[in-house]
Amino acid sequence: MEEVRQKSWFGRNWLWVVPISGCLMVILLIVFGIGAAIFGVTKVLKNSSPYTYAFELAEENENVKYSLGKPIVTDGVMSGSININNDHGEVDFRIPIKGSKRKGTIIVVGEKYDGIWTYEKLYVLIKETNEEINLLDKSLEGF
């Protein structure tokens, strides 16, 4: 009697397994690539001097603490850009934050000349009330 040898599962199904697994791999690579890019950009922005300075000012500001509640933490993915070239640069980004009562956004716009950051805009925008709380020196208001 002759023995009939059956093909393996892969041998019977390779025509649809190979294209589908290839497509899934491409999709996964794209998703992980986008995730890595977002994570990398966010990490660069969070490690920048303007981010640290703005977040510390917001945490210490009594009006912000009163409006948002304590503790103040970041809330989501920040957006914007920072461009630094040696001792010069520009920054324009938004940091979503929240407290125990409300949510808000820190708005940061500034320039760096000779290694020193100067800020054109630095305030917290309270989401529910559209109130703007200035984080810059009060003597500069109105100019």
Protein backbone atom coordinates (compact mmCIF):
# COMPACT_ATOMS: atom_id res chain seq x y z
CA MET A 1 0.00 0.00 0.00
CA GLU A 2 1.16 3.44 -0.87
CA GLU A 3 1.39 6.04 1.77
CA VAL A 4 -0.23 9.36 0.85
CA ARG A 5 1.55 12.22 2.46
CA GLN A 6 -0.51 15.30 3.20
CA LYS A 7 0.89 18.79 2.94
CA SER A 8 1.44 20.79 6.11
CA TRP A 9 -0.93 23.60 7.11
CA PHE A 10 1.49 26.21 5.74
CA GLY A 11 1.91 24.22 2.54
CA ARG A 12 -1.85 24.30 2.00
CA ASN A 13 -2.37 27.96 2.99
CA TRP A 14 0.75 29.84 1.98
CA LEU A 15 -0.98 31.63 -0.90
CA TRP A 16 -3.04 33.78 1.48
CA VAL A 17 -0.82 33.69 4.61
CA VAL A 18 2.22 35.32 3.00
CA PRO A 19 0.45 38.40 1.53
CA ILE A 20 -1.64 39.01 4.65
CA SER A 21 1.31 38.69 7.03
CA GLY A 22 3.35 40.98 4.77
CA CYS A 23 0.60 43.63 4.85
CA LEU A 24 0.31 43.32 8.62
CA MET A 25 4.06 43.81 8.99
CA VAL A 26 3.98 46.96 6.87
CA ILE A 27 1.06 48.34 8.89
CA LEU A 28 2.84 47.58 12.18
CA LEU A 29 6.04 49.23 10.98
CA ILE A 30 4.12 52.37 10.00
CA VAL A 31 2.25 52.51 13.33
CA PHE A 32 5.42 51.99 15.37
CA GLY A 33 7.31 54.49 13.22
CA ILE A 34 4.70 57.19 13.76
CA GLY A 35 4.60 56.40 17.48
CA ALA A 36 8.38 56.63 17.75
CA ALA A 37 8.40 59.96 15.89
CA ILE A 38 5.73 61.44 18.17
CA PHE A 39 7.52 60.14 21.26
CA GLY A 40 10.86 61.52 20.06
CA VAL A 41 9.49 64.98 19.26
CA THR A 42 7.63 65.15 22.56
CA LYS A 43 10.77 64.12 24.44
CA VAL A 44 12.83 66.84 22.71
CA LEU A 45 10.20 69.49 23.51
CA LYS A 46 9.86 68.37 27.15
CA ASN A 47 13.63 68.53 27.67
CA SER A 48 13.86 72.08 26.33
CA SER A 49 14.43 75.13 28.52
CA PRO A 50 11.21 76.89 27.38
CA TYR A 51 9.08 73.88 28.33
CA THR A 52 10.68 73.52 31.76
CA TYR A 53 10.49 77.25 32.44
CA ALA A 54 6.86 77.59 31.34
CA PHE A 55 5.66 74.54 33.26
CA GLU A 56 7.44 75.65 36.45
CA LEU A 57 5.91 79.14 36.18
CA ALA A 58 2.44 77.63 35.73
CA GLU A 59 2.89 75.29 38.70
CA GLU A 60 4.01 78.16 40.97
CA ASN A 61 1.44 80.74 39.86
CA GLU A 62 -1.30 81.24 42.49
CA ASN A 63 -3.93 82.27 39.91
CA VAL A 64 -3.28 79.12 37.88
CA LYS A 65 -3.47 76.93 40.99
CA TYR A 66 -6.73 78.61 42.01
CA SER A 67 -8.31 78.30 38.54
CA LEU A 68 -7.20 74.76 37.71
CA GLY A 69 -6.83 73.22 41.16
CA LYS A 70 -3.86 71.32 42.53
CA PRO A 71 -1.82 69.39 41.49
CA ILE A 72 -1.08 70.71 38.02
CA VAL A 73 0.05 68.02 35.59
CA THR A 74 0.45 67.66 31.84
CA ASP A 75 -2.62 66.35 30.03
CA GLY A 76 -2.02 64.84 26.63
CA VAL A 77 0.31 65.46 23.73
CA MET A 78 1.80 68.90 23.32
CA SER A 79 1.86 70.59 19.95
CA GLY A 80 4.04 73.16 18.27
CA SER A 81 7.65 73.57 17.32
CA ILE A 82 11.04 74.53 18.61
CA ASN A 83 13.97 75.46 16.41
CA ILE A 84 17.40 75.92 17.98
CA ASN A 85 20.54 76.71 16.01
CA ASN A 86 23.55 77.31 18.29
CA ASP A 87 22.68 80.33 20.47
CA HIS A 88 19.62 81.36 18.47
CA GLY A 89 16.19 79.81 18.23
CA GLU A 90 12.44 80.09 18.16
CA VAL A 91 9.72 78.38 20.13
CA ASP A 92 5.97 78.23 19.57
CA PHE A 93 4.12 75.46 21.37
CA ARG A 94 1.14 74.58 23.53
CA ILE A 95 1.30 72.40 26.63
CA PRO A 96 -2.03 70.87 27.69
CA ILE A 97 -2.35 70.84 31.49
CA LYS A 98 -4.99 70.01 34.06
CA GLY A 99 -5.67 70.41 37.73
CA SER A 100 -8.26 68.90 40.05
CA LYS A 101 -10.94 71.36 38.85
CA ARG A 102 -10.28 72.32 35.21
CA LYS A 103 -8.12 71.95 32.15
CA GLY A 104 -5.95 74.53 30.44
CA THR A 105 -3.14 75.12 27.98
CA ILE A 106 0.20 76.83 28.46
CA ILE A 107 0.95 78.99 25.41
CA VAL A 108 4.67 79.64 24.82
CA VAL A 109 6.02 81.88 22.04
CA GLY A 110 9.56 83.20 22.18
CA GLU A 111 12.97 83.66 20.64
CA LYS A 112 16.50 82.91 21.70
CA TYR A 113 19.28 85.44 21.01
CA ASP A 114 22.85 84.90 22.14
CA GLY A 115 21.77 82.02 24.36
CA ILE A 116 19.02 83.94 26.20
CA TRP A 117 15.32 83.16 25.78
CA THR A 118 12.86 86.07 25.62
CA TYR A 119 9.15 85.33 25.54
CA GLU A 120 6.60 87.24 23.51
CA LYS A 121 3.72 85.18 24.89
CA LEU A 122 3.70 83.04 27.99
CA TYR A 123 0.30 82.47 29.52
CA VAL A 124 -2.18 79.82 30.61
CA LEU A 125 -5.49 79.66 28.76
CA ILE A 126 -8.23 78.17 30.96
CA LYS A 127 -10.34 75.92 28.76
CA GLU A 128 -13.82 76.36 30.28
CA THR A 129 -13.69 80.13 30.84
CA ASN A 130 -11.24 81.26 28.11
CA GLU A 131 -9.45 83.23 30.84
CA GLU A 132 -5.80 84.08 30.11
CA ILE A 133 -3.39 84.08 33.05
CA ASN A 134 -0.17 85.89 32.20
CA LEU A 135 2.99 84.11 33.39
CA LEU A 136 5.36 86.87 32.30
CA ASP A 137 6.62 89.57 34.64
CA LYS A 138 3.69 91.85 35.56
CA SER A 139 5.76 94.95 34.77
CA LEU A 140 5.76 93.88 31.11
CA GLU A 141 1.96 93.75 30.77
CA GLY A 142 0.46 96.20 28.32
CA PHE A 143 3.59 96.56 26.19
